[in-house]
Amino acid sequence: MFAYTIRRLLMLIPVLIGMSLITFSIIHLIPGNPALTILGQQATPAAVAQLEEQLGLNEPYFVQYTDYMLGLLQGDLGQSLRTNTAISGDIWPFLAATIELTIFAMVFAVIVGVNAGIISAWKQNSLFDYTAMIIALIGVSMPIFWLGLMQQWVFAQELGWLPAFGRANPRDPVETVTHFYLIDTLLSGRLDQFSIAFQHLILPGIALGTIPMAIIARMTRSSMLEVLRSDYIRTVQAKGIHQLSIVYRHGFKNAVIPVLTVVGLQTGTLLGGAILTETIFSWPGIGRYVFDAIGNRDYPVIQSGILIIATMFVFINLIVDLLYSFIDPRIKY
């Protein structure tokens, strides 16, 4: 297991280098002069030259990339052109908000999707199977922005059960330590604020997790159907073992790898694709942060946001690969 882990980590090195090269090249792919694009067509030559020097655009490409990589190795993501502050300090609260939302959405998607898929396969061609798969099809097809707006209208405006915007009560803020509000409220002993922060997560979390939930349910059903038709399942059934034990303990264990693949891919997708949900629910996440940077033409922030999201996607896939070998030891050989 240790050797397998080392091999997988070494394979990440060229991936991360290539990813950083692509991310760095974004600013150079802009038609024309990037500094002029940032400042606008009315900028003076002196202002353009000053910004080029600030961004290092007057240096050769190789020198710029080398400086960029050296900064990354030291944890320096550069400075925001709009706020003139270090990006590494500014970006964490937004990233923490997206991670918290993504974890909630994936927990919802996995719990509902996996169990719906297992029961649908177990009760194939039953009313539950047809209903669950129709709901899954609707979930895959439904636009997130429409679902989010409908949730706000029904559960926030009409019923008043849940808040529609933000992460917490702005009138009673909690001291931020980790910037994960659920953790910070517990650290400060504010159970009332924990409840409020959790309520703020429900609507955006369900909206964000609906599509992954539907995909996971369909994949789980497909994988479980194949496993439940296997010879060893019939052998276990002949031994008189309880059906629930057969389905969850013997069946799902051998059907979990395709499901795990989908969960890993969907988690990475949610980290980088939550911008619609974050916009609708005014959630201050990394998607909104990068979107605002695009509007302000703050290219160092855009580079950093894309790089962080891509890096997290790569490491999520690494974790999935390691889980493969843990579930099925044959893989590491």
C-alpha atoms as a PDB file:
ATOM      1  CA  MET A   1       0.000   0.000   0.000  1.00  0.00           C
ATOM      2  CA  PHE A   2       2.819   2.392   0.869  1.00  0.00           C
ATOM      3  CA  ALA A   3       4.653   1.726  -2.411  1.00  0.00           C
ATOM      4  CA  TYR A   4       1.429   2.178  -4.363  1.00  0.00           C
ATOM      5  CA  THR A   5       0.804   5.506  -2.632  1.00  0.00           C
ATOM      6  CA  ILE A   6       4.327   6.715  -3.430  1.00  0.00           C
ATOM      7  CA  ARG A   7       3.918   5.763  -7.088  1.00  0.00           C
ATOM      8  CA  ARG A   8       0.640   7.658  -7.309  1.00  0.00           C
ATOM      9  CA  LEU A   9       2.192  10.727  -5.676  1.00  0.00           C
ATOM     10  CA  LEU A  10       5.112  10.677  -8.108  1.00  0.00           C
ATOM     11  CA  MET A  11       2.689  10.465 -11.022  1.00  0.00           C
ATOM     12  CA  LEU A  12       1.087  13.694  -9.788  1.00  0.00           C
ATOM     13  CA  ILE A  13       4.258  15.734 -10.316  1.00  0.00           C
ATOM     14  CA  PRO A  14       4.037  16.037 -14.145  1.00  0.00           C
ATOM     15  CA  VAL A  15       0.273  16.598 -13.856  1.00  0.00           C
ATOM     16  CA  LEU A  16       0.728  19.485 -11.431  1.00  0.00           C
ATOM     17  CA  ILE A  17       3.526  21.009 -13.526  1.00  0.00           C
ATOM     18  CA  GLY A  18       1.418  20.842 -16.671  1.00  0.00           C
ATOM     19  CA  MET A  19      -1.549  22.297 -14.818  1.00  0.00           C
ATOM     20  CA  SER A  20       0.517  25.210 -13.510  1.00  0.00           C
ATOM     21  CA  LEU A  21       1.859  25.847 -17.013  1.00  0.00           C
ATOM     22  CA  ILE A  22      -1.639  25.995 -18.474  1.00  0.00           C
ATOM     23  CA  THR A  23      -2.871  28.224 -15.654  1.00  0.00           C
ATOM     24  CA  PHE A  24       0.085  30.568 -16.016  1.00  0.00           C
ATOM     25  CA  SER A  25      -0.431  30.786 -19.776  1.00  0.00           C
ATOM     26  CA  ILE A  26      -3.975  32.123 -19.392  1.00  0.00           C
ATOM     27  CA  ILE A  27      -2.880  35.707 -19.116  1.00  0.00           C
ATOM     28  CA  HIS A  28      -0.661  35.314 -22.205  1.00  0.00           C
ATOM     29  CA  LEU A  29      -3.536  33.944 -24.304  1.00  0.00           C
ATOM     30  CA  ILE A  30      -5.420  37.218 -24.080  1.00  0.00           C
ATOM     31  CA  PRO A  31      -5.426  38.912 -27.507  1.00  0.00           C
ATOM     32  CA  GLY A  32      -3.233  41.992 -27.518  1.00  0.00           C
ATOM     33  CA  ASN A  33      -1.407  43.425 -24.550  1.00  0.00           C
ATOM     34  CA  PRO A  34      -2.674  41.949 -21.235  1.00  0.00           C
ATOM     35  CA  ALA A  35      -1.726  45.117 -19.332  1.00  0.00           C
ATOM     36  CA  LEU A  36      -3.670  47.248 -21.806  1.00  0.00           C
ATOM     37  CA  THR A  37      -6.626  44.878 -21.528  1.00  0.00           C
ATOM     38  CA  ILE A  38      -6.609  45.250 -17.746  1.00  0.00           C
ATOM     39  CA  LEU A  39      -6.262  49.046 -17.732  1.00  0.00           C
ATOM     40  CA  GLY A  40      -8.485  49.744 -20.715  1.00  0.00           C
ATOM     41  CA  GLN A  41      -7.864  51.368 -24.074  1.00  0.00           C
ATOM     42  CA  GLN A  42      -7.615  54.867 -22.581  1.00  0.00           C
ATOM     43  CA  ALA A  43      -4.587  53.988 -20.431  1.00  0.00           C
ATOM     44  CA  THR A  44      -1.408  56.001 -20.890  1.00  0.00           C
ATOM     45  CA  PRO A  45       1.772  54.278 -22.095  1.00  0.00           C
ATOM     46  CA  ALA A  46       3.402  55.026 -18.727  1.00  0.00           C
ATOM     47  CA  ALA A  47       0.590  53.271 -16.842  1.00  0.00           C
ATOM     48  CA  VAL A  48       0.774  50.287 -19.191  1.00  0.00           C
ATOM     49  CA  ALA A  49       4.542  50.040 -18.746  1.00  0.00           C
ATOM     50  CA  GLN A  50       4.195  50.270 -14.960  1.00  0.00           C
ATOM     51  CA  LEU A  51       1.623  47.453 -14.879  1.00  0.00           C
ATOM     52  CA  GLU A  52       3.766  45.323 -17.199  1.00  0.00           C
ATOM     53  CA  GLU A  53       6.652  45.717 -14.803  1.00  0.00           C
ATOM     54  CA  GLN A  54       4.406  44.947 -11.820  1.00  0.00           C
ATOM     55  CA  LEU A  55       3.158  41.750 -13.465  1.00  0.00           C
ATOM     56  CA  GLY A  56       6.591  40.875 -14.835  1.00  0.00           C
ATOM     57  CA  LEU A  57       5.279  40.925 -18.387  1.00  0.00           C
ATOM     58  CA  ASN A  58       8.396  42.703 -19.612  1.00  0.00           C
ATOM     59  CA  GLU A  59      10.480  39.612 -18.757  1.00  0.00           C
ATOM     60  CA  PRO A  60      10.949  36.593 -21.078  1.00  0.00           C
ATOM     61  CA  TYR A  61       8.246  33.948 -20.839  1.00  0.00           C
ATOM     62  CA  PHE A  62      10.542  31.359 -19.239  1.00  0.00           C
ATOM     63  CA  VAL A  63      11.674  33.840 -16.586  1.00  0.00           C
ATOM     64  CA  GLN A  64       8.068  34.764 -15.816  1.00  0.00           C
ATOM     65  CA  TYR A  65       7.073  31.121 -15.433  1.00  0.00           C
ATOM     66  CA  THR A  66      10.092  30.382 -13.239  1.00  0.00           C
ATOM     67  CA  ASP A  67       9.252  33.287 -10.938  1.00  0.00           C
ATOM     68  CA  TYR A  68       5.637  32.153 -10.865  1.00  0.00           C
ATOM     69  CA  MET A  69       6.603  28.606  -9.832  1.00  0.00           C
ATOM     70  CA  LEU A  70       9.054  29.824  -7.200  1.00  0.00           C
ATOM     71  CA  GLY A  71       6.284  31.945  -5.719  1.00  0.00           C
ATOM     72  CA  LEU A  72       3.889  28.984  -5.673  1.00  0.00           C
ATOM     73  CA  LEU A  73       6.455  26.804  -3.904  1.00  0.00           C
ATOM     74  CA  GLN A  74       6.684  29.477  -1.202  1.00  0.00           C
ATOM     75  CA  GLY A  75       2.878  29.733  -0.928  1.00  0.00           C
ATOM     76  CA  ASP A  76       2.806  33.103  -2.695  1.00  0.00           C
ATOM     77  CA  LEU A  77      -0.087  33.415  -5.143  1.00  0.00           C
ATOM     78  CA  GLY A  78       0.699  37.003  -5.988  1.00  0.00           C
ATOM     79  CA  GLN A  79      -1.293  40.175  -5.347  1.00  0.00           C
ATOM     80  CA  SER A  80      -4.743  41.217  -6.378  1.00  0.00           C
ATOM     81  CA  LEU A  81      -4.728  44.076  -8.858  1.00  0.00           C
ATOM     82  CA  ARG A  82      -7.969  45.448  -7.432  1.00  0.00           C
ATOM     83  CA  THR A  83      -7.243  45.305  -3.689  1.00  0.00           C
ATOM     84  CA  ASN A  84      -3.430  45.229  -3.859  1.00  0.00           C
ATOM     85  CA  THR A  85      -3.408  42.566  -1.109  1.00  0.00           C
ATOM     86  CA  ALA A  86      -1.944  39.054  -1.007  1.00  0.00           C
ATOM     87  CA  ILE A  87      -4.227  36.592  -2.752  1.00  0.00           C
ATOM     88  CA  SER A  88      -3.189  33.745  -0.448  1.00  0.00           C
ATOM     89  CA  GLY A  89      -4.738  35.613   2.490  1.00  0.00           C
ATOM     90  CA  ASP A  90      -7.833  36.836   0.650  1.00  0.00           C
ATOM     91  CA  ILE A  91      -8.830  33.587  -1.019  1.00  0.00           C
ATOM     92  CA  TRP A  92      -9.091  31.255   1.984  1.00  0.00           C
ATOM     93  CA  PRO A  93     -12.445  32.492   3.394  1.00  0.00           C
ATOM     94  CA  PHE A  94     -14.027  32.072  -0.055  1.00  0.00           C
ATOM     95  CA  LEU A  95     -12.450  28.656  -0.561  1.00  0.00           C
ATOM     96  CA  ALA A  96     -13.590  27.509   2.898  1.00  0.00           C
ATOM     97  CA  ALA A  97     -17.170  28.564   2.079  1.00  0.00           C
ATOM     98  CA  THR A  98     -17.156  26.525  -1.138  1.00  0.00           C
ATOM     99  CA  ILE A  99     -15.602  23.489   0.556  1.00  0.00           C
ATOM    100  CA  GLU A 100     -18.230  23.603   3.301  1.00  0.00           C
ATOM    101  CA  LEU A 101     -21.036  23.875   0.755  1.00  0.00           C
ATOM    102  CA  THR A 102     -19.548  21.105  -1.409  1.00  0.00           C
ATOM    103  CA  ILE A 103     -19.162  18.714   1.521  1.00  0.00           C
ATOM    104  CA  PHE A 104     -22.784  19.287   2.563  1.00  0.00           C
ATOM    105  CA  ALA A 105     -24.000  18.826  -1.022  1.00  0.00           C
ATOM    106  CA  MET A 106     -21.998  15.617  -1.511  1.00  0.00           C
ATOM    107  CA  VAL A 107     -23.095  14.138   1.813  1.00  0.00           C
ATOM    108  CA  PHE A 108     -26.692  14.736   0.742  1.00  0.00           C
ATOM    109  CA  ALA A 109     -26.013  13.354  -2.756  1.00  0.00           C
ATOM    110  CA  VAL A 110     -24.216  10.234  -1.524  1.00  0.00           C
ATOM    111  CA  ILE A 111     -26.682   9.318   1.226  1.00  0.00           C
ATOM    112  CA  VAL A 112     -29.776   9.789  -0.948  1.00  0.00           C
ATOM    113  CA  GLY A 113     -28.262   8.661  -4.254  1.00  0.00           C
ATOM    114  CA  VAL A 114     -26.534   5.501  -3.021  1.00  0.00           C
ATOM    115  CA  ASN A 115     -29.511   4.249  -1.032  1.00  0.00           C
ATOM    116  CA  ALA A 116     -31.958   5.072  -3.827  1.00  0.00           C
ATOM    117  CA  GLY A 117     -29.765   3.214  -6.312  1.00  0.00           C
ATOM    118  CA  ILE A 118     -29.341   0.171  -4.062  1.00  0.00           C
ATOM    119  CA  ILE A 119     -33.049  -0.143  -3.300  1.00  0.00           C
ATOM    120  CA  SER A 120     -33.950   0.396  -6.965  1.00  0.00           C
ATOM    121  CA  ALA A 121     -31.645  -2.453  -7.987  1.00  0.00           C
ATOM    122  CA  TRP A 122     -32.896  -4.656  -5.150  1.00  0.00           C
ATOM    123  CA  LYS A 123     -36.544  -3.949  -6.047  1.00  0.00           C
ATOM    124  CA  GLN A 124     -36.011  -3.823  -9.808  1.00  0.00           C
ATOM    125  CA  ASN A 125     -39.101  -2.953 -11.884  1.00  0.00           C
ATOM    126  CA  SER A 126     -41.047  -2.029  -8.751  1.00  0.00           C
ATOM    127  CA  LEU A 127     -42.931   1.208  -8.155  1.00  0.00           C
ATOM    128  CA  PHE A 128     -40.012   2.494  -6.065  1.00  0.00           C
ATOM    129  CA  ASP A 129     -37.563   1.687  -8.886  1.00  0.00           C
ATOM    130  CA  TYR A 130     -39.605   3.529 -11.509  1.00  0.00           C
ATOM    131  CA  THR A 131     -40.242   6.501  -9.219  1.00  0.00           C
ATOM    132  CA  ALA A 132     -36.612   6.816  -8.121  1.00  0.00           C
ATOM    133  CA  MET A 133     -35.268   6.655 -11.672  1.00  0.00           C
ATOM    134  CA  ILE A 134     -37.808   9.218 -12.906  1.00  0.00           C
ATOM    135  CA  ILE A 135     -36.767  11.546 -10.083  1.00  0.00           C
ATOM    136  CA  ALA A 136     -33.113  10.900 -10.967  1.00  0.00           C
ATOM    137  CA  LEU A 137     -33.785  11.734 -14.610  1.00  0.00           C
ATOM    138  CA  ILE A 138     -35.532  14.955 -13.587  1.00  0.00           C
ATOM    139  CA  GLY A 139     -32.642  15.761 -11.229  1.00  0.00           C
ATOM    140  CA  VAL A 140     -30.073  15.396 -14.011  1.00  0.00           C
ATOM    141  CA  SER A 141     -32.151  17.470 -16.431  1.00  0.00           C
ATOM    142  CA  MET A 142     -33.200  20.257 -14.071  1.00  0.00           C
ATOM    143  CA  PRO A 143     -31.198  23.521 -14.332  1.00  0.00           C
ATOM    144  CA  ILE A 144     -29.632  24.440 -10.991  1.00  0.00           C
ATOM    145  CA  PHE A 145     -30.630  28.108 -11.251  1.00  0.00           C
ATOM    146  CA  TRP A 146     -34.312  27.177 -11.728  1.00  0.00           C
ATOM    147  CA  LEU A 147     -34.248  24.711  -8.829  1.00  0.00           C
ATOM    148  CA  GLY A 148     -32.555  27.286  -6.598  1.00  0.00           C
ATOM    149  CA  LEU A 149     -35.115  29.956  -7.413  1.00  0.00           C
ATOM    150  CA  MET A 150     -37.997  27.530  -6.808  1.00  0.00           C
ATOM    151  CA  GLN A 151     -36.505  26.547  -3.453  1.00  0.00           C
ATOM    152  CA  GLN A 152     -36.225  30.173  -2.422  1.00  0.00           C
ATOM    153  CA  TRP A 153     -39.797  30.868  -3.480  1.00  0.00           C
ATOM    154  CA  VAL A 154     -41.343  27.835  -1.743  1.00  0.00           C
ATOM    155  CA  PHE A 155     -39.241  27.278   1.384  1.00  0.00           C
ATOM    156  CA  ALA A 156     -38.017  30.809   2.094  1.00  0.00           C
ATOM    157  CA  GLN A 157     -40.676  33.170   0.778  1.00  0.00           C
ATOM    158  CA  GLU A 158     -43.933  31.193   0.982  1.00  0.00           C
ATOM    159  CA  LEU A 159     -43.310  28.863   3.928  1.00  0.00           C
ATOM    160  CA  GLY A 160     -40.578  30.844   5.700  1.00  0.00           C
ATOM    161  CA  TRP A 161     -38.862  27.664   6.876  1.00  0.00           C
ATOM    162  CA  LEU A 162     -35.305  28.381   5.717  1.00  0.00           C
ATOM    163  CA  PRO A 163     -33.151  31.425   4.908  1.00  0.00           C
ATOM    164  CA  ALA A 164     -32.645  32.197   1.250  1.00  0.00           C
ATOM    165  CA  PHE A 165     -29.335  34.070   1.237  1.00  0.00           C
ATOM    166  CA  GLY A 166     -25.908  34.172   2.879  1.00  0.00           C
ATOM    167  CA  ARG A 167     -24.078  31.863   5.283  1.00  0.00           C
ATOM    168  CA  ALA A 168     -25.080  33.143   8.745  1.00  0.00           C
ATOM    169  CA  ASN A 169     -26.930  35.840  10.641  1.00  0.00           C
ATOM    170  CA  PRO A 170     -25.077  39.111   9.827  1.00  0.00           C
ATOM    171  CA  ARG A 171     -26.548  40.818  12.915  1.00  0.00           C
ATOM    172  CA  ASP A 172     -24.928  38.308  15.274  1.00  0.00           C
ATOM    173  CA  PRO A 173     -21.564  37.352  13.762  1.00  0.00           C
ATOM    174  CA  VAL A 174     -19.389  34.585  15.177  1.00  0.00           C
ATOM    175  CA  GLU A 175     -15.629  34.910  15.508  1.00  0.00           C
ATOM    176  CA  THR A 176     -14.038  33.151  12.547  1.00  0.00           C
ATOM    177  CA  VAL A 177     -11.129  30.834  13.210  1.00  0.00           C
ATOM    178  CA  THR A 178     -11.224  28.261  10.418  1.00  0.00           C
ATOM    179  CA  HIS A 179     -13.794  30.109   8.229  1.00  0.00           C
ATOM    180  CA  PHE A 180     -15.859  26.911   8.237  1.00  0.00           C
ATOM    181  CA  TYR A 181     -18.904  28.349   9.948  1.00  0.00           C
ATOM    182  CA  LEU A 182     -20.194  25.062  11.348  1.00  0.00           C
ATOM    183  CA  ILE A 183     -16.826  24.454  13.001  1.00  0.00           C
ATOM    184  CA  ASP A 184     -16.389  28.051  14.165  1.00  0.00           C
ATOM    185  CA  THR A 185     -19.786  28.134  15.825  1.00  0.00           C
ATOM    186  CA  LEU A 186     -18.946  24.950  17.740  1.00  0.00           C
ATOM    187  CA  LEU A 187     -15.522  26.285  18.729  1.00  0.00           C
ATOM    188  CA  SER A 188     -17.139  29.421  20.116  1.00  0.00           C
ATOM    189  CA  GLY A 189     -19.832  27.420  21.913  1.00  0.00           C
ATOM    190  CA  ARG A 190     -22.635  29.093  19.940  1.00  0.00           C
ATOM    191  CA  LEU A 191     -25.075  26.267  19.316  1.00  0.00           C
ATOM    192  CA  ASP A 192     -27.763  28.761  18.321  1.00  0.00           C
ATOM    193  CA  GLN A 193     -25.512  30.085  15.569  1.00  0.00           C
ATOM    194  CA  PHE A 194     -24.598  26.522  14.567  1.00  0.00           C
ATOM    195  CA  SER A 195     -28.276  25.886  13.916  1.00  0.00           C
ATOM    196  CA  ILE A 196     -28.560  29.091  11.881  1.00  0.00           C
ATOM    197  CA  ALA A 197     -25.427  28.299   9.842  1.00  0.00           C
ATOM    198  CA  PHE A 198     -26.742  24.789   9.175  1.00  0.00           C
ATOM    199  CA  GLN A 199     -30.099  26.170   8.035  1.00  0.00           C
ATOM    200  CA  HIS A 200     -28.294  28.470   5.592  1.00  0.00           C
ATOM    201  CA  LEU A 201     -26.588  25.408   4.103  1.00  0.00           C
ATOM    202  CA  ILE A 202     -29.725  23.413   3.396  1.00  0.00           C
ATOM    203  CA  LEU A 203     -31.186  25.145   0.332  1.00  0.00           C
ATOM    204  CA  PRO A 204     -27.933  25.796  -1.583  1.00  0.00           C
ATOM    205  CA  GLY A 205     -26.581  22.386  -0.540  1.00  0.00           C
ATOM    206  CA  ILE A 206     -29.616  20.527  -1.873  1.00  0.00           C
ATOM    207  CA  ALA A 207     -29.658  22.618  -5.051  1.00  0.00           C
ATOM    208  CA  LEU A 208     -25.973  21.918  -5.649  1.00  0.00           C
ATOM    209  CA  GLY A 209     -26.237  18.237  -4.734  1.00  0.00           C
ATOM    210  CA  THR A 210     -29.296  17.381  -6.843  1.00  0.00           C
ATOM    211  CA  ILE A 211     -27.445  16.595 -10.080  1.00  0.00           C
ATOM    212  CA  PRO A 212     -24.700  14.511  -8.369  1.00  0.00           C
ATOM    213  CA  MET A 213     -27.405  12.719  -6.380  1.00  0.00           C
ATOM    214  CA  ALA A 214     -29.212  11.741  -9.569  1.00  0.00           C
ATOM    215  CA  ILE A 215     -26.001  10.594 -11.283  1.00  0.00           C
ATOM    216  CA  ILE A 216     -24.911   8.577  -8.234  1.00  0.00           C
ATOM    217  CA  ALA A 217     -28.342   6.929  -7.974  1.00  0.00           C
ATOM    218  CA  ARG A 218     -28.302   5.839 -11.607  1.00  0.00           C
ATOM    219  CA  MET A 219     -24.712   4.599 -11.422  1.00  0.00           C
ATOM    220  CA  THR A 220     -25.363   2.717  -8.158  1.00  0.00           C
ATOM    221  CA  ARG A 221     -28.433   1.020  -9.619  1.00  0.00           C
ATOM    222  CA  SER A 222     -26.566  -0.027 -12.768  1.00  0.00           C
ATOM    223  CA  SER A 223     -23.583  -1.369 -10.836  1.00  0.00           C
ATOM    224  CA  MET A 224     -25.749  -3.152  -8.254  1.00  0.00           C
ATOM    225  CA  LEU A 225     -27.863  -4.866 -10.917  1.00  0.00           C
ATOM    226  CA  GLU A 226     -24.744  -6.392 -12.410  1.00  0.00           C
ATOM    227  CA  VAL A 227     -23.467  -7.572  -9.016  1.00  0.00           C
ATOM    228  CA  LEU A 228     -26.810  -8.959  -7.794  1.00  0.00           C
ATOM    229  CA  ARG A 229     -26.909 -11.246 -10.826  1.00  0.00           C
ATOM    230  CA  SER A 230     -23.522 -12.758  -9.982  1.00  0.00           C
ATOM    231  CA  ASP A 231     -23.069 -16.395  -9.033  1.00  0.00           C
ATOM    232  CA  TYR A 232     -21.620 -15.616  -5.617  1.00  0.00           C
ATOM    233  CA  ILE A 233     -24.746 -13.630  -4.675  1.00  0.00           C
ATOM    234  CA  ARG A 234     -26.909 -16.653  -5.472  1.00  0.00           C
ATOM    235  CA  THR A 235     -24.572 -18.737  -3.319  1.00  0.00           C
ATOM    236  CA  VAL A 236     -24.948 -16.316  -0.407  1.00  0.00           C
ATOM    237  CA  GLN A 237     -28.721 -16.334  -0.856  1.00  0.00           C
ATOM    238  CA  ALA A 238     -28.707 -20.131  -0.722  1.00  0.00           C
ATOM    239  CA  LYS A 239     -27.050 -19.938   2.703  1.00  0.00           C
ATOM    240  CA  GLY A 240     -30.120 -18.161   4.052  1.00  0.00           C
ATOM    241  CA  ILE A 241     -28.400 -14.879   4.937  1.00  0.00           C
ATOM    242  CA  HIS A 242     -30.729 -11.915   5.500  1.00  0.00           C
ATOM    243  CA  GLN A 243     -31.496 -10.022   2.302  1.00  0.00           C
ATOM    244  CA  LEU A 244     -30.360  -6.651   3.662  1.00  0.00           C
ATOM    245  CA  SER A 245     -26.978  -8.146   4.552  1.00  0.00           C
ATOM    246  CA  ILE A 246     -26.676  -9.646   1.086  1.00  0.00           C
ATOM    247  CA  VAL A 247     -27.479  -6.355  -0.634  1.00  0.00           C
ATOM    248  CA  TYR A 248     -25.443  -3.941   1.494  1.00  0.00           C
ATOM    249  CA  ARG A 249     -22.602  -6.083   2.832  1.00  0.00           C
ATOM    250  CA  HIS A 250     -21.920  -8.473  -0.044  1.00  0.00           C
ATOM    251  CA  GLY A 251     -23.442  -6.686  -3.007  1.00  0.00           C
ATOM    252  CA  PHE A 252     -22.612  -3.029  -2.537  1.00  0.00           C
ATOM    253  CA  LYS A 253     -19.027  -3.770  -1.460  1.00  0.00           C
ATOM    254  CA  ASN A 254     -18.339  -5.206  -4.922  1.00  0.00           C
ATOM    255  CA  ALA A 255     -20.345  -2.528  -6.728  1.00  0.00           C
ATOM    256  CA  VAL A 256     -18.817   0.466  -4.978  1.00  0.00           C
ATOM    257  CA  ILE A 257     -15.819   1.203  -7.240  1.00  0.00           C
ATOM    258  CA  PRO A 258     -17.799   2.702 -10.179  1.00  0.00           C
ATOM    259  CA  VAL A 259     -19.862   4.648  -7.645  1.00  0.00           C
ATOM    260  CA  LEU A 260     -16.707   5.904  -5.939  1.00  0.00           C
ATOM    261  CA  THR A 261     -15.404   7.111  -9.303  1.00  0.00           C
ATOM    262  CA  VAL A 262     -18.554   9.148  -9.883  1.00  0.00           C
ATOM    263  CA  VAL A 263     -18.446  10.576  -6.346  1.00  0.00           C
ATOM    264  CA  GLY A 264     -14.833  11.725  -6.825  1.00  0.00           C
ATOM    265  CA  LEU A 265     -15.525  13.326 -10.196  1.00  0.00           C
ATOM    266  CA  GLN A 266     -18.687  15.027  -8.982  1.00  0.00           C
ATOM    267  CA  THR A 267     -16.936  16.391  -5.884  1.00  0.00           C
ATOM    268  CA  GLY A 268     -14.248  17.984  -8.028  1.00  0.00           C
ATOM    269  CA  THR A 269     -16.874  19.335 -10.403  1.00  0.00           C
ATOM    270  CA  LEU A 270     -18.859  20.923  -7.578  1.00  0.00           C
ATOM    271  CA  LEU A 271     -15.762  22.669  -6.220  1.00  0.00           C
ATOM    272  CA  GLY A 272     -15.249  24.458  -9.510  1.00  0.00           C
ATOM    273  CA  GLY A 273     -18.796  24.621 -10.804  1.00  0.00           C
ATOM    274  CA  ALA A 274     -20.754  26.051  -7.898  1.00  0.00           C
ATOM    275  CA  ILE A 275     -20.845  29.584  -9.292  1.00  0.00           C
ATOM    276  CA  LEU A 276     -24.558  29.471 -10.250  1.00  0.00           C
ATOM    277  CA  THR A 277     -25.567  28.206  -6.823  1.00  0.00           C
ATOM    278  CA  GLU A 278     -23.300  30.709  -5.079  1.00  0.00           C
ATOM    279  CA  THR A 279     -24.737  33.555  -7.156  1.00  0.00           C
ATOM    280  CA  ILE A 280     -28.388  32.630  -6.571  1.00  0.00           C
ATOM    281  CA  PHE A 281     -27.953  32.146  -2.819  1.00  0.00           C
ATOM    282  CA  SER A 282     -25.406  34.969  -2.329  1.00  0.00           C
ATOM    283  CA  TRP A 283     -22.924  32.397  -1.056  1.00  0.00           C
ATOM    284  CA  PRO A 284     -19.445  33.960  -0.748  1.00  0.00           C
ATOM    285  CA  GLY A 285     -17.531  31.057  -2.313  1.00  0.00           C
ATOM    286  CA  ILE A 286     -14.573  30.635  -4.629  1.00  0.00           C
ATOM    287  CA  GLY A 287     -16.838  30.631  -7.699  1.00  0.00           C
ATOM    288  CA  ARG A 288     -18.172  34.085  -6.876  1.00  0.00           C
ATOM    289  CA  TYR A 289     -14.651  35.223  -6.009  1.00  0.00           C
ATOM    290  CA  VAL A 290     -13.267  34.206  -9.406  1.00  0.00           C
ATOM    291  CA  PHE A 291     -16.366  35.495 -11.218  1.00  0.00           C
ATOM    292  CA  ASP A 292     -15.967  38.926  -9.630  1.00  0.00           C
ATOM    293  CA  ALA A 293     -12.268  38.848 -10.545  1.00  0.00           C
ATOM    294  CA  ILE A 294     -13.218  38.197 -14.172  1.00  0.00           C
ATOM    295  CA  GLY A 295     -15.503  41.223 -14.105  1.00  0.00           C
ATOM    296  CA  ASN A 296     -12.691  43.328 -12.599  1.00  0.00           C
ATOM    297  CA  ARG A 297     -10.066  41.836 -14.934  1.00  0.00           C
ATOM    298  CA  ASP A 298      -8.034  40.815 -11.914  1.00  0.00           C
ATOM    299  CA  TYR A 299      -5.962  38.198 -13.725  1.00  0.00           C
ATOM    300  CA  PRO A 300      -3.699  37.108 -10.830  1.00  0.00           C
ATOM    301  CA  VAL A 301      -6.831  36.233  -8.843  1.00  0.00           C
ATOM    302  CA  ILE A 302      -8.277  34.344 -11.818  1.00  0.00           C
ATOM    303  CA  GLN A 303      -5.038  32.386 -12.208  1.00  0.00           C
ATOM    304  CA  SER A 304      -4.912  31.539  -8.521  1.00  0.00           C
ATOM    305  CA  GLY A 305      -8.563  30.509  -8.328  1.00  0.00           C
ATOM    306  CA  ILE A 306      -8.297  28.212 -11.340  1.00  0.00           C
ATOM    307  CA  LEU A 307      -5.042  26.708 -10.067  1.00  0.00           C
ATOM    308  CA  ILE A 308      -6.449  25.981  -6.602  1.00  0.00           C
ATOM    309  CA  ILE A 309      -9.626  24.403  -7.959  1.00  0.00           C
ATOM    310  CA  ALA A 310      -7.675  22.291 -10.451  1.00  0.00           C
ATOM    311  CA  THR A 311      -5.207  21.197  -7.753  1.00  0.00           C
ATOM    312  CA  MET A 312      -8.027  20.142  -5.455  1.00  0.00           C
ATOM    313  CA  PHE A 313      -9.618  18.212  -8.324  1.00  0.00           C
ATOM    314  CA  VAL A 314      -6.340  16.347  -8.881  1.00  0.00           C
ATOM    315  CA  PHE A 315      -5.944  15.476  -5.201  1.00  0.00           C
ATOM    316  CA  ILE A 316      -9.556  14.314  -4.939  1.00  0.00           C
ATOM    317  CA  ASN A 317      -8.851  11.893  -7.766  1.00  0.00           C
ATOM    318  CA  LEU A 318      -5.704  10.778  -5.943  1.00  0.00           C
ATOM    319  CA  ILE A 319      -7.785  10.015  -2.842  1.00  0.00           C
ATOM    320  CA  VAL A 320     -10.219   8.045  -5.000  1.00  0.00           C
ATOM    321  CA  ASP A 321      -7.343   6.039  -6.486  1.00  0.00           C
ATOM    322  CA  LEU A 322      -6.029   5.227  -3.013  1.00  0.00           C
ATOM    323  CA  LEU A 323      -9.501   4.183  -1.887  1.00  0.00           C
ATOM    324  CA  TYR A 324      -9.657   1.831  -4.873  1.00  0.00           C
ATOM    325  CA  SER A 325      -6.654  -0.079  -3.601  1.00  0.00           C
ATOM    326  CA  PHE A 326      -8.081  -0.154  -0.081  1.00  0.00           C
ATOM    327  CA  ILE A 327     -11.421  -1.569  -1.260  1.00  0.00           C
ATOM    328  CA  ASP A 328      -9.924  -3.971  -3.822  1.00  0.00           C
ATOM    329  CA  PRO A 329      -6.304  -4.926  -2.932  1.00  0.00           C
ATOM    330  CA  ARG A 330      -5.797  -6.403  -6.412  1.00  0.00           C
ATOM    331  CA  ILE A 331      -5.660  -2.890  -7.884  1.00  0.00           C
ATOM    332  CA  LYS A 332      -2.345  -1.968  -6.288  1.00  0.00           C
ATOM    333  CA  TYR A 333      -0.700  -4.931  -7.972  1.00  0.00           C
END
